[in-house]
Amino acid sequence: MSYFIVYFLAINLAAFAVCCYDKHAARKRKRRVPEKTLFLLSAVGGAYGMLVGMLGCRHKTRHPSFMILVPLFCIIWAVLIVLLLKRLY
């Protein structure tokens, strides 16, 4: 269980950092992070970090695909965590 917690914290921190970096790159007109990468980070557990990064940095909030899929990934991960906790305890 502790490995899962470390993974979950790390992937969310990484997703937050990548989201903020992409916003910075957009402002500076530098090379951007592909949207597929942002979605992948959300899907593999970084949805909460991505959502905080999106709202905190005001990044990708005008894109309906991000405003639908990232919260959906948050819900899916919440359900998975509840199921995992039920199974363990």
PDB file of N, CA and C in Angstrom:
ATOM      1  N   MET A   1       0.820  -1.196   0.000  1.00  0.00           N
ATOM      2  CA  MET A   1       0.000   0.000   0.000  1.00  0.00           C
ATOM      3  C   MET A   1       0.870   1.268   0.000  1.00  0.00           C
ATOM      4  N   SER A   2       1.970   1.231   0.704  1.00  0.00           N
ATOM      5  CA  SER A   2       2.818   2.427   0.764  1.00  0.00           C
ATOM      6  C   SER A   2       3.429   2.746  -0.602  1.00  0.00           C
ATOM      7  N   TYR A   3       3.709   1.721  -1.408  1.00  0.00           N
ATOM      8  CA  TYR A   3       4.222   1.973  -2.757  1.00  0.00           C
ATOM      9  C   TYR A   3       3.171   2.699  -3.597  1.00  0.00           C
ATOM     10  N   PHE A   4       1.927   2.313  -3.411  1.00  0.00           N
ATOM     11  CA  PHE A   4       0.842   2.959  -4.142  1.00  0.00           C
ATOM     12  C   PHE A   4       0.735   4.432  -3.762  1.00  0.00           C
ATOM     13  N   ILE A   5       0.844   4.724  -2.489  1.00  0.00           N
ATOM     14  CA  ILE A   5       0.753   6.108  -2.023  1.00  0.00           C
ATOM     15  C   ILE A   5       1.899   6.946  -2.602  1.00  0.00           C
ATOM     16  N   VAL A   6       3.104   6.398  -2.586  1.00  0.00           N
ATOM     17  CA  VAL A   6       4.259   7.106  -3.143  1.00  0.00           C
ATOM     18  C   VAL A   6       4.060   7.328  -4.644  1.00  0.00           C
ATOM     19  N   TYR A   7       3.608   6.282  -5.346  1.00  0.00           N
ATOM     20  CA  TYR A   7       3.354   6.406  -6.781  1.00  0.00           C
ATOM     21  C   TYR A   7       2.305   7.483  -7.055  1.00  0.00           C
ATOM     22  N   PHE A   8       1.205   7.420  -6.310  1.00  0.00           N
ATOM     23  CA  PHE A   8       0.094   8.332  -6.532  1.00  0.00           C
ATOM     24  C   PHE A   8       0.518   9.780  -6.288  1.00  0.00           C
ATOM     25  N   LEU A   9       1.262  10.014  -5.232  1.00  0.00           N
ATOM     26  CA  LEU A   9       1.755  11.365  -4.957  1.00  0.00           C
ATOM     27  C   LEU A   9       2.736  11.825  -6.035  1.00  0.00           C
ATOM     28  N   ALA A  10       3.631  10.935  -6.442  1.00  0.00           N
ATOM     29  CA  ALA A  10       4.636  11.290  -7.449  1.00  0.00           C
ATOM     30  C   ALA A  10       3.998  11.592  -8.806  1.00  0.00           C
ATOM     31  N   ILE A  11       3.049  10.777  -9.225  1.00  0.00           N
ATOM     32  CA  ILE A  11       2.443  10.979 -10.543  1.00  0.00           C
ATOM     33  C   ILE A  11       1.602  12.258 -10.555  1.00  0.00           C
ATOM     34  N   ASN A  12       0.970  12.573  -9.439  1.00  0.00           N
ATOM     35  CA  ASN A  12       0.194  13.809  -9.376  1.00  0.00           C
ATOM     36  C   ASN A  12       1.093  15.039  -9.336  1.00  0.00           C
ATOM     37  N   LEU A  13       2.187  14.933  -8.631  1.00  0.00           N
ATOM     38  CA  LEU A  13       3.151  16.038  -8.618  1.00  0.00           C
ATOM     39  C   LEU A  13       3.738  16.238 -10.014  1.00  0.00           C
ATOM     40  N   ALA A  14       4.050  15.139 -10.690  1.00  0.00           N
ATOM     41  CA  ALA A  14       4.583  15.224 -12.053  1.00  0.00           C
ATOM     42  C   ALA A  14       3.557  15.834 -13.000  1.00  0.00           C
ATOM     43  N   ALA A  15       2.303  15.417 -12.893  1.00  0.00           N
ATOM     44  CA  ALA A  15       1.258  15.958 -13.760  1.00  0.00           C
ATOM     45  C   ALA A  15       1.080  17.457 -13.525  1.00  0.00           C
ATOM     46  N   PHE A  16       1.102  17.866 -12.269  1.00  0.00           N
ATOM     47  CA  PHE A  16       0.995  19.288 -11.944  1.00  0.00           C
ATOM     48  C   PHE A  16       2.160  20.067 -12.552  1.00  0.00           C
ATOM     49  N   ALA A  17       3.371  19.540 -12.383  1.00  0.00           N
ATOM     50  CA  ALA A  17       4.567  20.215 -12.898  1.00  0.00           C
ATOM     51  C   ALA A  17       4.540  20.308 -14.418  1.00  0.00           C
ATOM     52  N   VAL A  18       4.135  19.246 -15.088  1.00  0.00           N
ATOM     53  CA  VAL A  18       4.086  19.248 -16.557  1.00  0.00           C
ATOM     54  C   VAL A  18       3.032  20.228 -17.049  1.00  0.00           C
ATOM     55  N   CYS A  19       1.904  20.281 -16.367  1.00  0.00           N
ATOM     56  CA  CYS A  19       0.844  21.219 -16.750  1.00  0.00           C
ATOM     57  C   CYS A  19       1.334  22.662 -16.609  1.00  0.00           C
ATOM     58  N   CYS A  20       1.976  22.961 -15.499  1.00  0.00           N
ATOM     59  CA  CYS A  20       2.494  24.322 -15.289  1.00  0.00           C
ATOM     60  C   CYS A  20       3.616  24.646 -16.272  1.00  0.00           C
ATOM     61  N   TYR A  21       4.467  23.654 -16.560  1.00  0.00           N
ATOM     62  CA  TYR A  21       5.532  23.870 -17.548  1.00  0.00           C
ATOM     63  C   TYR A  21       4.929  24.173 -18.921  1.00  0.00           C
ATOM     64  N   ASP A  22       3.890  23.430 -19.296  1.00  0.00           N
ATOM     65  CA  ASP A  22       3.277  23.632 -20.605  1.00  0.00           C
ATOM     66  C   ASP A  22       2.660  25.027 -20.703  1.00  0.00           C
ATOM     67  N   LYS A  23       2.076  25.500 -19.629  1.00  0.00           N
ATOM     68  CA  LYS A  23       1.539  26.866 -19.628  1.00  0.00           C
ATOM     69  C   LYS A  23       2.666  27.881 -19.794  1.00  0.00           C
ATOM     70  N   HIS A  24       3.767  27.662 -19.092  1.00  0.00           N
ATOM     71  CA  HIS A  24       4.925  28.543 -19.217  1.00  0.00           C
ATOM     72  C   HIS A  24       5.463  28.526 -20.649  1.00  0.00           C
ATOM     73  N   ALA A  25       5.560  27.330 -21.231  1.00  0.00           N
ATOM     74  CA  ALA A  25       6.042  27.199 -22.607  1.00  0.00           C
ATOM     75  C   ALA A  25       5.105  27.899 -23.587  1.00  0.00           C
ATOM     76  N   ALA A  26       3.823  27.829 -23.316  1.00  0.00           N
ATOM     77  CA  ALA A  26       2.848  28.491 -24.193  1.00  0.00           C
ATOM     78  C   ALA A  26       3.032  30.005 -24.156  1.00  0.00           C
ATOM     79  N   ARG A  27       3.269  30.531 -22.983  1.00  0.00           N
ATOM     80  CA  ARG A  27       3.461  31.978 -22.858  1.00  0.00           C
ATOM     81  C   ARG A  27       4.751  32.437 -23.544  1.00  0.00           C
ATOM     82  N   LYS A  28       5.779  31.616 -23.466  1.00  0.00           N
ATOM     83  CA  LYS A  28       7.085  31.969 -24.038  1.00  0.00           C
ATOM     84  C   LYS A  28       7.227  31.539 -25.492  1.00  0.00           C
ATOM     85  N   ARG A  29       6.171  30.940 -26.033  1.00  0.00           N
ATOM     86  CA  ARG A  29       6.175  30.426 -27.406  1.00  0.00           C
ATOM     87  C   ARG A  29       7.310  29.433 -27.637  1.00  0.00           C
ATOM     88  N   LYS A  30       7.495  28.546 -26.665  1.00  0.00           N
ATOM     89  CA  LYS A  30       8.494  27.487 -26.764  1.00  0.00           C
ATOM     90  C   LYS A  30       7.807  26.176 -27.103  1.00  0.00           C
ATOM     91  N   ARG A  31       8.605  25.127 -27.206  1.00  0.00           N
ATOM     92  CA  ARG A  31       8.076  23.810 -27.545  1.00  0.00           C
ATOM     93  C   ARG A  31       7.112  23.350 -26.456  1.00  0.00           C
ATOM     94  N   ARG A  32       5.956  22.851 -26.882  1.00  0.00           N
ATOM     95  CA  ARG A  32       4.879  22.488 -25.967  1.00  0.00           C
ATOM     96  C   ARG A  32       4.858  21.000 -25.677  1.00  0.00           C
ATOM     97  N   VAL A  33       4.167  20.646 -24.630  1.00  0.00           N
ATOM     98  CA  VAL A  33       3.936  19.247 -24.270  1.00  0.00           C
ATOM     99  C   VAL A  33       2.724  18.775 -25.077  1.00  0.00           C
ATOM    100  N   PRO A  34       2.835  17.651 -25.774  1.00  0.00           N
ATOM    101  CA  PRO A  34       1.686  17.164 -26.559  1.00  0.00           C
ATOM    102  C   PRO A  34       0.474  16.883 -25.665  1.00  0.00           C
ATOM    103  N   GLU A  35      -0.706  17.153 -26.202  1.00  0.00           N
ATOM    104  CA  GLU A  35      -1.930  16.903 -25.442  1.00  0.00           C
ATOM    105  C   GLU A  35      -2.062  15.436 -25.065  1.00  0.00           C
ATOM    106  N   LYS A  36      -1.590  14.546 -25.925  1.00  0.00           N
ATOM    107  CA  LYS A  36      -1.635  13.109 -25.608  1.00  0.00           C
ATOM    108  C   LYS A  36      -0.881  12.812 -24.315  1.00  0.00           C
ATOM    109  N   THR A  37       0.227  13.477 -24.124  1.00  0.00           N
ATOM    110  CA  THR A  37       1.025  13.285 -22.916  1.00  0.00           C
ATOM    111  C   THR A  37       0.263  13.773 -21.687  1.00  0.00           C
ATOM    112  N   LEU A  38      -0.393  14.913 -21.816  1.00  0.00           N
ATOM    113  CA  LEU A  38      -1.171  15.433 -20.699  1.00  0.00           C
ATOM    114  C   LEU A  38      -2.316  14.490 -20.340  1.00  0.00           C
ATOM    115  N   PHE A  39      -2.999  13.965 -21.349  1.00  0.00           N
ATOM    116  CA  PHE A  39      -4.070  13.003 -21.097  1.00  0.00           C
ATOM    117  C   PHE A  39      -3.524  11.703 -20.507  1.00  0.00           C
ATOM    118  N   LEU A  40      -2.371  11.255 -20.998  1.00  0.00           N
ATOM    119  CA  LEU A  40      -1.775  10.029 -20.477  1.00  0.00           C
ATOM    120  C   LEU A  40      -1.415  10.175 -19.003  1.00  0.00           C
ATOM    121  N   LEU A  41      -0.821  11.303 -18.641  1.00  0.00           N
ATOM    122  CA  LEU A  41      -0.502  11.544 -17.234  1.00  0.00           C
ATOM    123  C   LEU A  41      -1.762  11.508 -16.373  1.00  0.00           C
ATOM    124  N   SER A  42      -2.842  12.053 -16.883  1.00  0.00           N
ATOM    125  CA  SER A  42      -4.108  12.027 -16.146  1.00  0.00           C
ATOM    126  C   SER A  42      -4.637  10.606 -16.014  1.00  0.00           C
ATOM    127  N   ALA A  43      -4.553   9.856 -17.083  1.00  0.00           N
ATOM    128  CA  ALA A  43      -5.103   8.498 -17.090  1.00  0.00           C
ATOM    129  C   ALA A  43      -4.350   7.545 -16.173  1.00  0.00           C
ATOM    130  N   VAL A  44      -3.047   7.734 -16.040  1.00  0.00           N
ATOM    131  CA  VAL A  44      -2.261   6.803 -15.218  1.00  0.00           C
ATOM    132  C   VAL A  44      -2.199   7.211 -13.751  1.00  0.00           C
ATOM    133  N   GLY A  45      -3.016   8.179 -13.355  1.00  0.00           N
ATOM    134  CA  GLY A  45      -3.114   8.512 -11.943  1.00  0.00           C
ATOM    135  C   GLY A  45      -2.870   9.954 -11.596  1.00  0.00           C
ATOM    136  N   GLY A  46      -2.471  10.771 -12.554  1.00  0.00           N
ATOM    137  CA  GLY A  46      -2.148  12.160 -12.261  1.00  0.00           C
ATOM    138  C   GLY A  46      -3.284  13.127 -12.507  1.00  0.00           C
ATOM    139  N   ALA A  47      -4.505  12.634 -12.496  1.00  0.00           N
ATOM    140  CA  ALA A  47      -5.652  13.482 -12.820  1.00  0.00           C
ATOM    141  C   ALA A  47      -5.838  14.613 -11.819  1.00  0.00           C
ATOM    142  N   TYR A  48      -5.600  14.333 -10.548  1.00  0.00           N
ATOM    143  CA  TYR A  48      -5.795  15.374  -9.534  1.00  0.00           C
ATOM    144  C   TYR A  48      -4.750  16.479  -9.674  1.00  0.00           C
ATOM    145  N   GLY A  49      -3.510  16.087  -9.905  1.00  0.00           N
ATOM    146  CA  GLY A  49      -2.459  17.074 -10.129  1.00  0.00           C
ATOM    147  C   GLY A  49      -2.708  17.877 -11.392  1.00  0.00           C
ATOM    148  N   MET A  50      -3.182  17.204 -12.422  1.00  0.00           N
ATOM    149  CA  MET A  50      -3.491  17.887 -13.683  1.00  0.00           C
ATOM    150  C   MET A  50      -4.635  18.872 -13.484  1.00  0.00           C
ATOM    151  N   LEU A  51      -5.661  18.473 -12.754  1.00  0.00           N
ATOM    152  CA  LEU A  51      -6.802  19.354 -12.521  1.00  0.00           C
ATOM    153  C   LEU A  51      -6.390  20.586 -11.713  1.00  0.00           C
ATOM    154  N   VAL A  52      -5.589  20.393 -10.681  1.00  0.00           N
ATOM    155  CA  VAL A  52      -5.107  21.526  -9.883  1.00  0.00           C
ATOM    156  C   VAL A  52      -4.235  22.441 -10.748  1.00  0.00           C
ATOM    157  N   GLY A  53      -3.396  21.837 -11.580  1.00  0.00           N
ATOM    158  CA  GLY A  53      -2.557  22.626 -12.477  1.00  0.00           C
ATOM    159  C   GLY A  53      -3.375  23.397 -13.504  1.00  0.00           C
ATOM    160  N   MET A  54      -4.392  22.756 -14.048  1.00  0.00           N
ATOM    161  CA  MET A  54      -5.250  23.416 -15.025  1.00  0.00           C
ATOM    162  C   MET A  54      -5.956  24.619 -14.416  1.00  0.00           C
ATOM    163  N   LEU A  55      -6.522  24.414 -13.250  1.00  0.00           N
ATOM    164  CA  LEU A  55      -7.286  25.493 -12.620  1.00  0.00           C
ATOM    165  C   LEU A  55      -6.370  26.546 -12.019  1.00  0.00           C
ATOM    166  N   GLY A  56      -5.258  26.113 -11.426  1.00  0.00           N
ATOM    167  CA  GLY A  56      -4.329  27.047 -10.803  1.00  0.00           C
ATOM    168  C   GLY A  56      -3.583  27.908 -11.804  1.00  0.00           C
ATOM    169  N   CYS A  57      -3.186  27.305 -12.915  1.00  0.00           N
ATOM    170  CA  CYS A  57      -2.431  28.042 -13.941  1.00  0.00           C
ATOM    171  C   CYS A  57      -3.333  28.573 -15.052  1.00  0.00           C
ATOM    172  N   ARG A  58      -4.619  28.282 -14.954  1.00  0.00           N
ATOM    173  CA  ARG A  58      -5.572  28.638 -16.012  1.00  0.00           C
ATOM    174  C   ARG A  58      -5.094  28.091 -17.352  1.00  0.00           C
ATOM    175  N   HIS A  59      -4.835  26.811 -17.369  1.00  0.00           N
ATOM    176  CA  HIS A  59      -4.285  26.169 -18.553  1.00  0.00           C
ATOM    177  C   HIS A  59      -5.242  25.110 -19.070  1.00  0.00           C
ATOM    178  N   LYS A  60      -5.534  25.160 -20.337  1.00  0.00           N
ATOM    179  CA  LYS A  60      -6.405  24.216 -21.035  1.00  0.00           C
ATOM    180  C   LYS A  60      -7.850  24.260 -20.534  1.00  0.00           C
ATOM    181  N   THR A  61      -8.235  25.339 -19.862  1.00  0.00           N
ATOM    182  CA  THR A  61      -9.589  25.417 -19.329  1.00  0.00           C
ATOM    183  C   THR A  61     -10.621  25.785 -20.394  1.00  0.00           C
ATOM    184  N   ARG A  62     -10.172  26.222 -21.543  1.00  0.00           N
ATOM    185  CA  ARG A  62     -11.101  26.521 -22.644  1.00  0.00           C
ATOM    186  C   ARG A  62     -11.306  25.322 -23.567  1.00  0.00           C
ATOM    187  N   HIS A  63     -10.562  24.268 -23.317  1.00  0.00           N
ATOM    188  CA  HIS A  63     -10.666  23.065 -24.147  1.00  0.00           C
ATOM    189  C   HIS A  63     -11.692  22.117 -23.532  1.00  0.00           C
ATOM    190  N   PRO A  64     -12.824  21.904 -24.203  1.00  0.00           N
ATOM    191  CA  PRO A  64     -13.843  21.009 -23.642  1.00  0.00           C
ATOM    192  C   PRO A  64     -13.313  19.604 -23.368  1.00  0.00           C
ATOM    193  N   SER A  65     -12.417  19.116 -24.207  1.00  0.00           N
ATOM    194  CA  SER A  65     -11.898  17.762 -23.998  1.00  0.00           C
ATOM    195  C   SER A  65     -11.169  17.663 -22.659  1.00  0.00           C
ATOM    196  N   PHE A  66     -10.422  18.680 -22.286  1.00  0.00           N
ATOM    197  CA  PHE A  66      -9.723  18.668 -21.004  1.00  0.00           C
ATOM    198  C   PHE A  66     -10.687  18.878 -19.845  1.00  0.00           C
ATOM    199  N   MET A  67     -11.657  19.753 -20.023  1.00  0.00           N
ATOM    200  CA  MET A  67     -12.590  20.053 -18.945  1.00  0.00           C
ATOM    201  C   MET A  67     -13.575  18.910 -18.700  1.00  0.00           C
ATOM    202  N   ILE A  68     -13.654  17.970 -19.621  1.00  0.00           N
ATOM    203  CA  ILE A  68     -14.500  16.790 -19.429  1.00  0.00           C
ATOM    204  C   ILE A  68     -13.663  15.595 -18.995  1.00  0.00           C
ATOM    205  N   LEU A  69     -12.581  15.315 -19.721  1.00  0.00           N
ATOM    206  CA  LEU A  69     -11.816  14.098 -19.461  1.00  0.00           C
ATOM    207  C   LEU A  69     -11.030  14.121 -18.158  1.00  0.00           C
ATOM    208  N   VAL A  70     -10.403  15.223 -17.820  1.00  0.00           N
ATOM    209  CA  VAL A  70      -9.595  15.259 -16.596  1.00  0.00           C
ATOM    210  C   VAL A  70     -10.476  15.056 -15.355  1.00  0.00           C
ATOM    211  N   PRO A  71     -11.614  15.754 -15.212  1.00  0.00           N
ATOM    212  CA  PRO A  71     -12.483  15.440 -14.070  1.00  0.00           C
ATOM    213  C   PRO A  71     -13.034  14.014 -14.108  1.00  0.00           C
ATOM    214  N   LEU A  72     -13.268  13.506 -15.317  1.00  0.00           N
ATOM    215  CA  LEU A  72     -13.719  12.115 -15.438  1.00  0.00           C
ATOM    216  C   LEU A  72     -12.647  11.157 -14.931  1.00  0.00           C
ATOM    217  N   PHE A  73     -11.392  11.411 -15.271  1.00  0.00           N
ATOM    218  CA  PHE A  73     -10.299  10.595 -14.744  1.00  0.00           C
ATOM    219  C   PHE A  73     -10.219  10.713 -13.222  1.00  0.00           C
ATOM    220  N   CYS A  74     -10.507  11.889 -12.681  1.00  0.00           N
ATOM    221  CA  CYS A  74     -10.525  12.054 -11.218  1.00  0.00           C
ATOM    222  C   CYS A  74     -11.582  11.158 -10.594  1.00  0.00           C
ATOM    223  N   ILE A  75     -12.749  11.114 -11.193  1.00  0.00           N
ATOM    224  CA  ILE A  75     -13.828  10.268 -10.680  1.00  0.00           C
ATOM    225  C   ILE A  75     -13.442   8.800 -10.779  1.00  0.00           C
ATOM    226  N   ILE A  76     -12.895   8.400 -11.902  1.00  0.00           N
ATOM    227  CA  ILE A  76     -12.483   7.003 -12.086  1.00  0.00           C
ATOM    228  C   ILE A  76     -11.444   6.616 -11.043  1.00  0.00           C
ATOM    229  N   TRP A  77     -10.463   7.484 -10.806  1.00  0.00           N
ATOM    230  CA  TRP A  77      -9.429   7.184  -9.816  1.00  0.00           C
ATOM    231  C   TRP A  77      -9.999   7.165  -8.404  1.00  0.00           C
ATOM    232  N   ALA A  78     -10.969   7.999  -8.118  1.00  0.00           N
ATOM    233  CA  ALA A  78     -11.610   7.980  -6.793  1.00  0.00           C
ATOM    234  C   ALA A  78     -12.313   6.643  -6.572  1.00  0.00           C
ATOM    235  N   VAL A  79     -13.009   6.167  -7.596  1.00  0.00           N
ATOM    236  CA  VAL A  79     -13.692   4.868  -7.494  1.00  0.00           C
ATOM    237  C   VAL A  79     -12.673   3.744  -7.324  1.00  0.00           C
ATOM    238  N   LEU A  80     -11.596   3.782  -8.090  1.00  0.00           N
ATOM    239  CA  LEU A  80     -10.563   2.748  -7.973  1.00  0.00           C
ATOM    240  C   LEU A  80      -9.926   2.738  -6.581  1.00  0.00           C
ATOM    241  N   ILE A  81      -9.693   3.905  -6.021  1.00  0.00           N
ATOM    242  CA  ILE A  81      -9.094   3.982  -4.686  1.00  0.00           C
ATOM    243  C   ILE A  81     -10.053   3.444  -3.642  1.00  0.00           C
ATOM    244  N   VAL A  82     -11.344   3.774  -3.760  1.00  0.00           N
ATOM    245  CA  VAL A  82     -12.328   3.248  -2.814  1.00  0.00           C
ATOM    246  C   VAL A  82     -12.396   1.735  -2.913  1.00  0.00           C
ATOM    247  N   LEU A  83     -12.412   1.200  -4.128  1.00  0.00           N
ATOM    248  CA  LEU A  83     -12.438  -0.248  -4.305  1.00  0.00           C
ATOM    249  C   LEU A  83     -11.176  -0.904  -3.732  1.00  0.00           C
ATOM    250  N   LEU A  84     -10.044  -0.290  -3.918  1.00  0.00           N
ATOM    251  CA  LEU A  84      -8.802  -0.819  -3.369  1.00  0.00           C
ATOM    252  C   LEU A  84      -8.839  -0.823  -1.859  1.00  0.00           C
ATOM    253  N   LEU A  85      -9.307   0.265  -1.280  1.00  0.00           N
ATOM    254  CA  LEU A  85      -9.391   0.339   0.191  1.00  0.00           C
ATOM    255  C   LEU A  85     -10.376  -0.672   0.756  1.00  0.00           C
ATOM    256  N   LYS A  86     -11.509  -0.875   0.075  1.00  0.00           N
ATOM    257  CA  LYS A  86     -12.480  -1.875   0.517  1.00  0.00           C
ATOM    258  C   LYS A  86     -11.877  -3.269   0.484  1.00  0.00           C
ATOM    259  N   ARG A  87     -11.096  -3.522  -0.534  1.00  0.00           N
ATOM    260  CA  ARG A  87     -10.491  -4.849  -0.690  1.00  0.00           C
ATOM    261  C   ARG A  87      -9.417  -5.101   0.385  1.00  0.00           C
ATOM    262  N   LEU A  88      -8.693  -4.057   0.737  1.00  0.00           N
ATOM    263  CA  LEU A  88      -7.620  -4.207   1.724  1.00  0.00           C
ATOM    264  C   LEU A  88      -8.155  -4.260   3.145  1.00  0.00           C
ATOM    265  N   TYR A  89      -9.265  -3.570   3.412  1.00  0.00           N
ATOM    266  CA  TYR A  89      -9.744  -3.498   4.794  1.00  0.00           C
ATOM    267  C   TYR A  89     -11.081  -4.096   4.947  1.00  0.00           C
TER     268      TYR A  89
END
